[in-house]
Amino acid sequence: MRTEAYDKLDLAPHLDGGVFESLKDMSNFKSVHLNSDLDTIVWKNGADMSPDFLYEIGVPVAESVPAA
């Protein structure tokens, strides 16, 4: 059976300045979506975070979840 690993991310410490500052407002933060061309998350205001950066700051979730 194939499983997928999940990481938990705390982005709050990384939302200071520039295009990230407005993401401190939850309504702006919730505009996040996955951009499959960039393989990362992107917000409505154009902010994005490098997949490598997200991997570095991720904390593994204790349990694996079976893939759908």
Protein backbone atom coordinates (compact mmCIF):
# COMPACT_ATOMS: atom_id res chain seq x y z
CA MET A 1 0.00 0.00 0.00
CA ARG A 2 1.32 3.45 -0.96
CA THR A 3 1.33 6.20 1.66
CA GLU A 4 1.91 9.91 1.49
CA ALA A 5 3.95 11.83 4.04
CA TYR A 6 2.68 15.15 5.33
CA ASP A 7 4.54 18.03 6.93
CA LYS A 8 3.15 20.74 9.17
CA LEU A 9 4.26 24.28 8.33
CA ASP A 10 4.31 27.36 10.53
CA LEU A 11 4.54 30.22 8.06
CA ALA A 12 3.86 33.03 10.56
CA PRO A 13 7.57 33.77 11.23
CA HIS A 14 8.11 34.14 7.47
CA LEU A 15 5.39 36.70 6.69
CA ASP A 16 7.30 39.88 7.51
CA GLY A 17 7.79 42.50 4.82
CA GLY A 18 7.18 42.80 1.12
CA VAL A 19 4.41 40.79 -0.52
CA PHE A 20 4.19 38.51 2.52
CA GLU A 21 3.12 41.24 4.98
CA SER A 22 -0.49 41.30 3.73
CA LEU A 23 -0.74 37.54 4.32
CA LYS A 24 -0.89 38.19 8.06
CA ASP A 25 -4.55 39.04 7.37
CA MET A 26 -6.34 35.67 7.40
CA SER A 27 -8.64 36.56 4.48
CA ASN A 28 -5.56 37.20 2.32
CA PHE A 29 -3.77 34.13 3.65
CA LYS A 30 -6.75 31.92 2.75
CA SER A 31 -6.37 32.89 -0.93
CA VAL A 32 -3.53 30.35 -1.19
CA HIS A 33 -3.66 27.76 -3.96
CA LEU A 34 -1.34 25.19 -5.50
CA ASN A 35 0.35 26.23 -8.73
CA SER A 36 1.20 22.97 -10.46
CA ASP A 37 3.43 24.75 -13.00
CA LEU A 38 5.65 26.04 -10.17
CA ASP A 39 5.07 23.03 -7.87
CA THR A 40 4.44 25.34 -4.94
CA ILE A 41 1.82 27.40 -3.16
CA VAL A 42 0.89 30.85 -4.47
CA TRP A 43 -1.35 33.56 -3.05
CA LYS A 44 -3.74 35.88 -4.87
CA ASN A 45 -1.31 38.81 -4.41
CA GLY A 46 1.40 36.90 -6.31
CA ALA A 47 3.44 35.83 -3.29
CA ASP A 48 4.89 32.33 -3.44
CA MET A 49 7.37 30.24 -1.50
CA SER A 50 10.06 28.00 -2.90
CA PRO A 51 9.29 24.27 -2.64
CA ASP A 52 12.80 23.78 -1.21
CA PHE A 53 12.13 26.37 1.50
CA LEU A 54 8.80 24.74 2.42
CA TYR A 55 10.52 21.36 2.64
CA GLU A 56 13.24 22.81 4.91
CA ILE A 57 10.81 24.35 7.40
CA GLY A 58 8.34 21.45 7.39
CA VAL A 59 7.87 19.32 10.49
CA PRO A 60 6.79 15.74 9.75
CA VAL A 61 3.32 14.79 10.93
CA ALA A 62 3.48 11.70 13.13
CA GLU A 63 1.17 9.51 11.07
CA SER A 64 1.24 8.66 7.39
CA VAL A 65 -2.06 8.75 5.58
CA PRO A 66 -2.93 6.17 2.90
CA ALA A 67 -2.89 7.69 -0.57
CA ALA A 68 -6.25 7.98 -2.29
